[in-house]
Amino acid sequence: MIQNVCDSDFGSVIKNRNQELLDSFGSHLRKLRKHRGMSQEELAYEADIPISQVGRIERGEINVTISTLYLIAKAMNMELKDLVNFR
């Protein structure tokens, strides 16, 4: 389900968020990371992103950018297309 949220400070800005998709991707990322024997800390270091961001992605708390997905894929020695092929 996609939620539309209107931020009154910015007028009619709409944010689309598919929580089921975020949760599914987070679970997928956690499985891939563990399969490779990487800790969240190791992944964060290799991808040059904050460790807290890895946890937030895996818990489905944030809508990750394509740039961050690219860094994560590179850190895990995989193609971006393979990282996002989880459904």
PDB file of N, CA and C in Angstrom:
ATOM      1  N   MET A   1       0.834  -1.170   0.000  1.00  0.00           N
ATOM      2  CA  MET A   1       0.000   0.000   0.000  1.00  0.00           C
ATOM      3  C   MET A   1       0.884   1.240   0.000  1.00  0.00           C
ATOM      4  N   ILE A   2       0.566   2.196  -0.821  1.00  0.00           N
ATOM      5  CA  ILE A   2       1.306   3.448  -0.889  1.00  0.00           C
ATOM      6  C   ILE A   2       0.583   4.494  -0.070  1.00  0.00           C
ATOM      7  N   GLN A   3       1.339   5.154   0.799  1.00  0.00           N
ATOM      8  CA  GLN A   3       0.773   6.217   1.618  1.00  0.00           C
ATOM      9  C   GLN A   3       1.164   7.557   1.028  1.00  0.00           C
ATOM     10  N   ASN A   4       0.221   8.450   0.889  1.00  0.00           N
ATOM     11  CA  ASN A   4       0.504   9.806   0.465  1.00  0.00           C
ATOM     12  C   ASN A   4       0.448  10.699   1.687  1.00  0.00           C
ATOM     13  N   VAL A   5       1.509  11.454   1.878  1.00  0.00           N
ATOM     14  CA  VAL A   5       1.598  12.326   3.033  1.00  0.00           C
ATOM     15  C   VAL A   5       1.830  13.742   2.534  1.00  0.00           C
ATOM     16  N   CYS A   6       1.028  14.655   2.972  1.00  0.00           N
ATOM     17  CA  CYS A   6       1.180  16.043   2.575  1.00  0.00           C
ATOM     18  C   CYS A   6       1.874  16.797   3.696  1.00  0.00           C
ATOM     19  N   ASP A   7       2.972  17.450   3.383  1.00  0.00           N
ATOM     20  CA  ASP A   7       3.730  18.218   4.357  1.00  0.00           C
ATOM     21  C   ASP A   7       3.259  19.668   4.276  1.00  0.00           C
ATOM     22  N   SER A   8       2.578  20.138   5.304  1.00  0.00           N
ATOM     23  CA  SER A   8       1.977  21.472   5.268  1.00  0.00           C
ATOM     24  C   SER A   8       3.008  22.581   5.158  1.00  0.00           C
ATOM     25  N   ASP A   9       4.265  22.354   5.604  1.00  0.00           N
ATOM     26  CA  ASP A   9       5.302  23.375   5.492  1.00  0.00           C
ATOM     27  C   ASP A   9       5.709  23.620   4.044  1.00  0.00           C
ATOM     28  N   PHE A  10       5.474  22.643   3.190  1.00  0.00           N
ATOM     29  CA  PHE A  10       5.880  22.763   1.799  1.00  0.00           C
ATOM     30  C   PHE A  10       4.690  22.748   0.850  1.00  0.00           C
ATOM     31  N   GLY A  11       3.539  23.031   1.344  1.00  0.00           N
ATOM     32  CA  GLY A  11       2.353  23.101   0.486  1.00  0.00           C
ATOM     33  C   GLY A  11       1.901  21.738   0.036  1.00  0.00           C
ATOM     34  N   SER A  12       2.000  21.486  -1.258  1.00  0.00           N
ATOM     35  CA  SER A  12       1.448  20.249  -1.809  1.00  0.00           C
ATOM     36  C   SER A  12       2.511  19.198  -2.127  1.00  0.00           C
ATOM     37  N   VAL A  13       3.594  19.175  -1.384  1.00  0.00           N
ATOM     38  CA  VAL A  13       4.606  18.144  -1.579  1.00  0.00           C
ATOM     39  C   VAL A  13       4.027  16.809  -1.128  1.00  0.00           C
ATOM     40  N   ILE A  14       4.130  15.812  -1.977  1.00  0.00           N
ATOM     41  CA  ILE A  14       3.586  14.493  -1.664  1.00  0.00           C
ATOM     42  C   ILE A  14       4.730  13.487  -1.638  1.00  0.00           C
ATOM     43  N   LYS A  15       4.757  12.687  -0.601  1.00  0.00           N
ATOM     44  CA  LYS A  15       5.758  11.634  -0.471  1.00  0.00           C
ATOM     45  C   LYS A  15       5.053  10.295  -0.634  1.00  0.00           C
ATOM     46  N   ASN A  16       5.557   9.487  -1.534  1.00  0.00           N
ATOM     47  CA  ASN A  16       5.003   8.152  -1.716  1.00  0.00           C
ATOM     48  C   ASN A  16       5.872   7.161  -0.961  1.00  0.00           C
ATOM     49  N   ARG A  17       5.238   6.297  -0.212  1.00  0.00           N
ATOM     50  CA  ARG A  17       5.965   5.333   0.606  1.00  0.00           C
ATOM     51  C   ARG A  17       5.217   4.009   0.571  1.00  0.00           C
ATOM     52  N   ASN A  18       5.885   2.985   0.112  1.00  0.00           N
ATOM     53  CA  ASN A  18       5.317   1.649   0.072  1.00  0.00           C
ATOM     54  C   ASN A  18       6.003   0.833   1.163  1.00  0.00           C
ATOM     55  N   GLN A  19       5.394   0.762   2.329  1.00  0.00           N
ATOM     56  CA  GLN A  19       6.019   0.118   3.485  1.00  0.00           C
ATOM     57  C   GLN A  19       6.296  -1.360   3.252  1.00  0.00           C
ATOM     58  N   GLU A  20       5.398  -2.034   2.579  1.00  0.00           N
ATOM     59  CA  GLU A  20       5.605  -3.458   2.286  1.00  0.00           C
ATOM     60  C   GLU A  20       6.864  -3.650   1.438  1.00  0.00           C
ATOM     61  N   LEU A  21       7.056  -2.795   0.461  1.00  0.00           N
ATOM     62  CA  LEU A  21       8.237  -2.858  -0.398  1.00  0.00           C
ATOM     63  C   LEU A  21       9.509  -2.565   0.396  1.00  0.00           C
ATOM     64  N   LEU A  22       9.468  -1.540   1.245  1.00  0.00           N
ATOM     65  CA  LEU A  22      10.630  -1.199   2.068  1.00  0.00           C
ATOM     66  C   LEU A  22      10.985  -2.333   3.017  1.00  0.00           C
ATOM     67  N   ASP A  23       9.985  -2.940   3.622  1.00  0.00           N
ATOM     68  CA  ASP A  23      10.217  -4.075   4.532  1.00  0.00           C
ATOM     69  C   ASP A  23      10.805  -5.274   3.777  1.00  0.00           C
ATOM     70  N   SER A  24      10.270  -5.546   2.593  1.00  0.00           N
ATOM     71  CA  SER A  24      10.758  -6.674   1.794  1.00  0.00           C
ATOM     72  C   SER A  24      12.201  -6.457   1.364  1.00  0.00           C
ATOM     73  N   PHE A  25      12.516  -5.239   0.921  1.00  0.00           N
ATOM     74  CA  PHE A  25      13.885  -4.977   0.517  1.00  0.00           C
ATOM     75  C   PHE A  25      14.829  -5.068   1.714  1.00  0.00           C
ATOM     76  N   GLY A  26      14.419  -4.535   2.839  1.00  0.00           N
ATOM     77  CA  GLY A  26      15.249  -4.593   4.038  1.00  0.00           C
ATOM     78  C   GLY A  26      15.567  -6.022   4.434  1.00  0.00           C
ATOM     79  N   SER A  27      14.583  -6.871   4.393  1.00  0.00           N
ATOM     80  CA  SER A  27      14.775  -8.286   4.712  1.00  0.00           C
ATOM     81  C   SER A  27      15.720  -8.943   3.704  1.00  0.00           C
ATOM     82  N   HIS A  28      15.538  -8.606   2.447  1.00  0.00           N
ATOM     83  CA  HIS A  28      16.392  -9.122   1.372  1.00  0.00           C
ATOM     84  C   HIS A  28      17.844  -8.699   1.592  1.00  0.00           C
ATOM     85  N   LEU A  29      18.049  -7.430   1.893  1.00  0.00           N
ATOM     86  CA  LEU A  29      19.399  -6.926   2.122  1.00  0.00           C
ATOM     87  C   LEU A  29      20.046  -7.632   3.313  1.00  0.00           C
ATOM     88  N   ARG A  30      19.295  -7.808   4.390  1.00  0.00           N
ATOM     89  CA  ARG A  30      19.822  -8.493   5.578  1.00  0.00           C
ATOM     90  C   ARG A  30      20.262  -9.919   5.228  1.00  0.00           C
ATOM     91  N   LYS A  31      19.434 -10.639   4.457  1.00  0.00           N
ATOM     92  CA  LYS A  31      19.774 -12.014   4.061  1.00  0.00           C
ATOM     93  C   LYS A  31      21.042 -12.039   3.211  1.00  0.00           C
ATOM     94  N   LEU A  32      21.144 -11.123   2.244  1.00  0.00           N
ATOM     95  CA  LEU A  32      22.332 -11.064   1.391  1.00  0.00           C
ATOM     96  C   LEU A  32      23.580 -10.748   2.209  1.00  0.00           C
ATOM     97  N   ARG A  33      23.451  -9.781   3.109  1.00  0.00           N
ATOM     98  CA  ARG A  33      24.587  -9.374   3.942  1.00  0.00           C
ATOM     99  C   ARG A  33      25.070 -10.539   4.813  1.00  0.00           C
ATOM    100  N   LYS A  34      24.140 -11.203   5.464  1.00  0.00           N
ATOM    101  CA  LYS A  34      24.496 -12.324   6.335  1.00  0.00           C
ATOM    102  C   LYS A  34      25.061 -13.496   5.535  1.00  0.00           C
ATOM    103  N   HIS A  35      24.497 -13.744   4.357  1.00  0.00           N
ATOM    104  CA  HIS A  35      24.994 -14.816   3.488  1.00  0.00           C
ATOM    105  C   HIS A  35      26.458 -14.580   3.115  1.00  0.00           C
ATOM    106  N   ARG A  36      26.833 -13.306   2.990  1.00  0.00           N
ATOM    107  CA  ARG A  36      28.212 -12.950   2.659  1.00  0.00           C
ATOM    108  C   ARG A  36      29.093 -12.839   3.906  1.00  0.00           C
ATOM    109  N   GLY A  37      28.500 -13.106   5.068  1.00  0.00           N
ATOM    110  CA  GLY A  37      29.260 -13.064   6.308  1.00  0.00           C
ATOM    111  C   GLY A  37      29.674 -11.667   6.728  1.00  0.00           C
ATOM    112  N   MET A  38      28.887 -10.676   6.329  1.00  0.00           N
ATOM    113  CA  MET A  38      29.205  -9.283   6.652  1.00  0.00           C
ATOM    114  C   MET A  38      28.336  -8.803   7.803  1.00  0.00           C
ATOM    115  N   SER A  39      28.931  -8.022   8.683  1.00  0.00           N
ATOM    116  CA  SER A  39      28.155  -7.347   9.722  1.00  0.00           C
ATOM    117  C   SER A  39      27.617  -6.045   9.132  1.00  0.00           C
ATOM    118  N   GLN A  40      26.675  -5.435   9.831  1.00  0.00           N
ATOM    119  CA  GLN A  40      26.191  -4.127   9.398  1.00  0.00           C
ATOM    120  C   GLN A  40      27.342  -3.131   9.373  1.00  0.00           C
ATOM    121  N   GLU A  41      28.215  -3.235  10.343  1.00  0.00           N
ATOM    122  CA  GLU A  41      29.355  -2.333  10.432  1.00  0.00           C
ATOM    123  C   GLU A  41      30.289  -2.491   9.232  1.00  0.00           C
ATOM    124  N   GLU A  42      30.556  -3.732   8.852  1.00  0.00           N
ATOM    125  CA  GLU A  42      31.420  -3.978   7.690  1.00  0.00           C
ATOM    126  C   GLU A  42      30.796  -3.451   6.406  1.00  0.00           C
ATOM    127  N   LEU A  43      29.499  -3.693   6.238  1.00  0.00           N
ATOM    128  CA  LEU A  43      28.821  -3.193   5.052  1.00  0.00           C
ATOM    129  C   LEU A  43      28.856  -1.671   5.011  1.00  0.00           C
ATOM    130  N   ALA A  44      28.575  -1.048   6.127  1.00  0.00           N
ATOM    131  CA  ALA A  44      28.600   0.410   6.196  1.00  0.00           C
ATOM    132  C   ALA A  44      29.983   0.949   5.838  1.00  0.00           C
ATOM    133  N   TYR A  45      31.013   0.329   6.369  1.00  0.00           N
ATOM    134  CA  TYR A  45      32.384   0.762   6.095  1.00  0.00           C
ATOM    135  C   TYR A  45      32.709   0.624   4.612  1.00  0.00           C
ATOM    136  N   GLU A  46      32.411  -0.541   4.037  1.00  0.00           N
ATOM    137  CA  GLU A  46      32.715  -0.800   2.629  1.00  0.00           C
ATOM    138  C   GLU A  46      31.918   0.104   1.684  1.00  0.00           C
ATOM    139  N   ALA A  47      30.683   0.422   2.065  1.00  0.00           N
ATOM    140  CA  ALA A  47      29.827   1.271   1.225  1.00  0.00           C
ATOM    141  C   ALA A  47      30.029   2.754   1.517  1.00  0.00           C
ATOM    142  N   ASP A  48      30.764   3.060   2.574  1.00  0.00           N
ATOM    143  CA  ASP A  48      31.000   4.441   3.005  1.00  0.00           C
ATOM    144  C   ASP A  48      29.682   5.159   3.317  1.00  0.00           C
ATOM    145  N   ILE A  49      28.857   4.468   4.084  1.00  0.00           N
ATOM    146  CA  ILE A  49      27.599   5.046   4.559  1.00  0.00           C
ATOM    147  C   ILE A  49      27.537   4.844   6.080  1.00  0.00           C
ATOM    148  N   PRO A  50      26.743   5.633   6.788  1.00  0.00           N
ATOM    149  CA  PRO A  50      26.644   5.465   8.241  1.00  0.00           C
ATOM    150  C   PRO A  50      26.064   4.098   8.614  1.00  0.00           C
ATOM    151  N   ILE A  51      26.602   3.496   9.669  1.00  0.00           N
ATOM    152  CA  ILE A  51      26.098   2.198  10.125  1.00  0.00           C
ATOM    153  C   ILE A  51      24.615   2.285  10.466  1.00  0.00           C
ATOM    154  N   SER A  52      24.193   3.409  11.011  1.00  0.00           N
ATOM    155  CA  SER A  52      22.779   3.558  11.358  1.00  0.00           C
ATOM    156  C   SER A  52      21.900   3.484  10.115  1.00  0.00           C
ATOM    157  N   GLN A  53      22.429   3.912   8.981  1.00  0.00           N
ATOM    158  CA  GLN A  53      21.648   3.865   7.740  1.00  0.00           C
ATOM    159  C   GLN A  53      21.425   2.426   7.295  1.00  0.00           C
ATOM    160  N   VAL A  54      22.430   1.579   7.459  1.00  0.00           N
ATOM    161  CA  VAL A  54      22.260   0.165   7.103  1.00  0.00           C
ATOM    162  C   VAL A  54      21.133  -0.432   7.933  1.00  0.00           C
ATOM    163  N   GLY A  55      21.146  -0.194   9.224  1.00  0.00           N
ATOM    164  CA  GLY A  55      20.092  -0.711  10.095  1.00  0.00           C
ATOM    165  C   GLY A  55      18.723  -0.178   9.732  1.00  0.00           C
ATOM    166  N   ARG A  56      18.658   1.096   9.431  1.00  0.00           N
ATOM    167  CA  ARG A  56      17.366   1.699   9.074  1.00  0.00           C
ATOM    168  C   ARG A  56      16.832   1.143   7.752  1.00  0.00           C
ATOM    169  N   ILE A  57      17.727   0.871   6.804  1.00  0.00           N
ATOM    170  CA  ILE A  57      17.309   0.262   5.533  1.00  0.00           C
ATOM    171  C   ILE A  57      16.792  -1.146   5.802  1.00  0.00           C
ATOM    172  N   GLU A  58      17.534  -1.926   6.577  1.00  0.00           N
ATOM    173  CA  GLU A  58      17.134  -3.308   6.850  1.00  0.00           C
ATOM    174  C   GLU A  58      15.828  -3.392   7.628  1.00  0.00           C
ATOM    175  N   ARG A  59      15.529  -2.400   8.422  1.00  0.00           N
ATOM    176  CA  ARG A  59      14.262  -2.372   9.171  1.00  0.00           C
ATOM    177  C   ARG A  59      13.129  -1.728   8.377  1.00  0.00           C
ATOM    178  N   GLY A  60      13.402  -1.277   7.169  1.00  0.00           N
ATOM    179  CA  GLY A  60      12.372  -0.674   6.329  1.00  0.00           C
ATOM    180  C   GLY A  60      11.947   0.706   6.799  1.00  0.00           C
ATOM    181  N   GLU A  61      12.835   1.394   7.490  1.00  0.00           N
ATOM    182  CA  GLU A  61      12.493   2.703   8.051  1.00  0.00           C
ATOM    183  C   GLU A  61      12.730   3.856   7.088  1.00  0.00           C
ATOM    184  N   ILE A  62      13.583   3.644   6.077  1.00  0.00           N
ATOM    185  CA  ILE A  62      13.855   4.734   5.145  1.00  0.00           C
ATOM    186  C   ILE A  62      13.721   4.262   3.708  1.00  0.00           C
ATOM    187  N   ASN A  63      13.428   5.205   2.845  1.00  0.00           N
ATOM    188  CA  ASN A  63      13.324   4.972   1.415  1.00  0.00           C
ATOM    189  C   ASN A  63      14.688   5.298   0.823  1.00  0.00           C
ATOM    190  N   VAL A  64      15.478   4.280   0.576  1.00  0.00           N
ATOM    191  CA  VAL A  64      16.873   4.439   0.168  1.00  0.00           C
ATOM    192  C   VAL A  64      16.984   4.992  -1.253  1.00  0.00           C
ATOM    193  N   THR A  65      18.031   5.789  -1.502  1.00  0.00           N
ATOM    194  CA  THR A  65      18.243   6.366  -2.828  1.00  0.00           C
ATOM    195  C   THR A  65      18.964   5.388  -3.744  1.00  0.00           C
ATOM    196  N   ILE A  66      18.856   5.631  -5.024  1.00  0.00           N
ATOM    197  CA  ILE A  66      19.536   4.792  -6.012  1.00  0.00           C
ATOM    198  C   ILE A  66      21.048   4.894  -5.836  1.00  0.00           C
ATOM    199  N   SER A  67      21.544   6.051  -5.445  1.00  0.00           N
ATOM    200  CA  SER A  67      22.983   6.229  -5.216  1.00  0.00           C
ATOM    201  C   SER A  67      23.466   5.350  -4.067  1.00  0.00           C
ATOM    202  N   THR A  68      22.688   5.283  -3.006  1.00  0.00           N
ATOM    203  CA  THR A  68      23.053   4.442  -1.866  1.00  0.00           C
ATOM    204  C   THR A  68      22.949   2.971  -2.241  1.00  0.00           C
ATOM    205  N   LEU A  69      21.949   2.605  -3.013  1.00  0.00           N
ATOM    206  CA  LEU A  69      21.840   1.218  -3.468  1.00  0.00           C
ATOM    207  C   LEU A  69      23.060   0.828  -4.284  1.00  0.00           C
ATOM    208  N   TYR A  70      23.530   1.736  -5.119  1.00  0.00           N
ATOM    209  CA  TYR A  70      24.722   1.468  -5.927  1.00  0.00           C
ATOM    210  C   TYR A  70      25.933   1.223  -5.022  1.00  0.00           C
ATOM    211  N   LEU A  71      26.105   2.064  -3.999  1.00  0.00           N
ATOM    212  CA  LEU A  71      27.232   1.908  -3.070  1.00  0.00           C
ATOM    213  C   LEU A  71      27.151   0.575  -2.328  1.00  0.00           C
ATOM    214  N   ILE A  72      25.943   0.199  -1.921  1.00  0.00           N
ATOM    215  CA  ILE A  72      25.750  -1.068  -1.211  1.00  0.00           C
ATOM    216  C   ILE A  72      26.079  -2.244  -2.126  1.00  0.00           C
ATOM    217  N   ALA A  73      25.581  -2.202  -3.358  1.00  0.00           N
ATOM    218  CA  ALA A  73      25.857  -3.280  -4.314  1.00  0.00           C
ATOM    219  C   ALA A  73      27.357  -3.410  -4.553  1.00  0.00           C
ATOM    220  N   LYS A  74      28.012  -2.294  -4.741  1.00  0.00           N
ATOM    221  CA  LYS A  74      29.463  -2.301  -4.975  1.00  0.00           C
ATOM    222  C   LYS A  74      30.196  -2.889  -3.764  1.00  0.00           C
ATOM    223  N   ALA A  75      29.774  -2.498  -2.569  1.00  0.00           N
ATOM    224  CA  ALA A  75      30.398  -2.999  -1.339  1.00  0.00           C
ATOM    225  C   ALA A  75      30.196  -4.504  -1.177  1.00  0.00           C
ATOM    226  N   MET A  76      29.112  -5.018  -1.738  1.00  0.00           N
ATOM    227  CA  MET A  76      28.816  -6.451  -1.627  1.00  0.00           C
ATOM    228  C   MET A  76      29.296  -7.233  -2.853  1.00  0.00           C
ATOM    229  N   ASN A  77      30.037  -6.543  -3.722  1.00  0.00           N
ATOM    230  CA  ASN A  77      30.577  -7.166  -4.943  1.00  0.00           C
ATOM    231  C   ASN A  77      29.495  -7.813  -5.796  1.00  0.00           C
ATOM    232  N   MET A  78      28.439  -7.036  -6.030  1.00  0.00           N
ATOM    233  CA  MET A  78      27.357  -7.529  -6.866  1.00  0.00           C
ATOM    234  C   MET A  78      26.836  -6.416  -7.755  1.00  0.00           C
ATOM    235  N   GLU A  79      26.110  -6.780  -8.769  1.00  0.00           N
ATOM    236  CA  GLU A  79      25.498  -5.807  -9.668  1.00  0.00           C
ATOM    237  C   GLU A  79      24.276  -5.196  -8.992  1.00  0.00           C
ATOM    238  N   LEU A  80      24.034  -3.934  -9.268  1.00  0.00           N
ATOM    239  CA  LEU A  80      22.868  -3.248  -8.717  1.00  0.00           C
ATOM    240  C   LEU A  80      21.583  -3.989  -9.073  1.00  0.00           C
ATOM    241  N   LYS A  81      21.482  -4.457 -10.301  1.00  0.00           N
ATOM    242  CA  LYS A  81      20.270  -5.166 -10.735  1.00  0.00           C
ATOM    243  C   LYS A  81      20.013  -6.410  -9.895  1.00  0.00           C
ATOM    244  N   ASP A  82      21.069  -7.066  -9.434  1.00  0.00           N
ATOM    245  CA  ASP A  82      20.909  -8.251  -8.602  1.00  0.00           C
ATOM    246  C   ASP A  82      20.499  -7.892  -7.181  1.00  0.00           C
ATOM    247  N   LEU A  83      20.990  -6.748  -6.701  1.00  0.00           N
ATOM    248  CA  LEU A  83      20.609  -6.288  -5.361  1.00  0.00           C
ATOM    249  C   LEU A  83      19.119  -5.988  -5.281  1.00  0.00           C
ATOM    250  N   VAL A  84      18.573  -5.409  -6.326  1.00  0.00           N
ATOM    251  CA  VAL A  84      17.169  -5.002  -6.283  1.00  0.00           C
ATOM    252  C   VAL A  84      16.220  -6.052  -6.854  1.00  0.00           C
ATOM    253  N   ASN A  85      16.734  -7.219  -7.208  1.00  0.00           N
ATOM    254  CA  ASN A  85      15.889  -8.303  -7.710  1.00  0.00           C
ATOM    255  C   ASN A  85      15.476  -9.198  -6.541  1.00  0.00           C
ATOM    256  N   PHE A  86      14.407  -8.806  -5.858  1.00  0.00           N
ATOM    257  CA  PHE A  86      14.034  -9.508  -4.626  1.00  0.00           C
ATOM    258  C   PHE A  86      12.581  -9.893  -4.541  1.00  0.00           C
ATOM    259  N   ARG A  87      11.762  -9.546  -5.467  1.00  0.00           N
ATOM    260  CA  ARG A  87      10.333  -9.864  -5.349  1.00  0.00           C
ATOM    261  C   ARG A  87      10.035 -11.140  -5.979  1.00  0.00           C
TER     262      ARG A  87
END
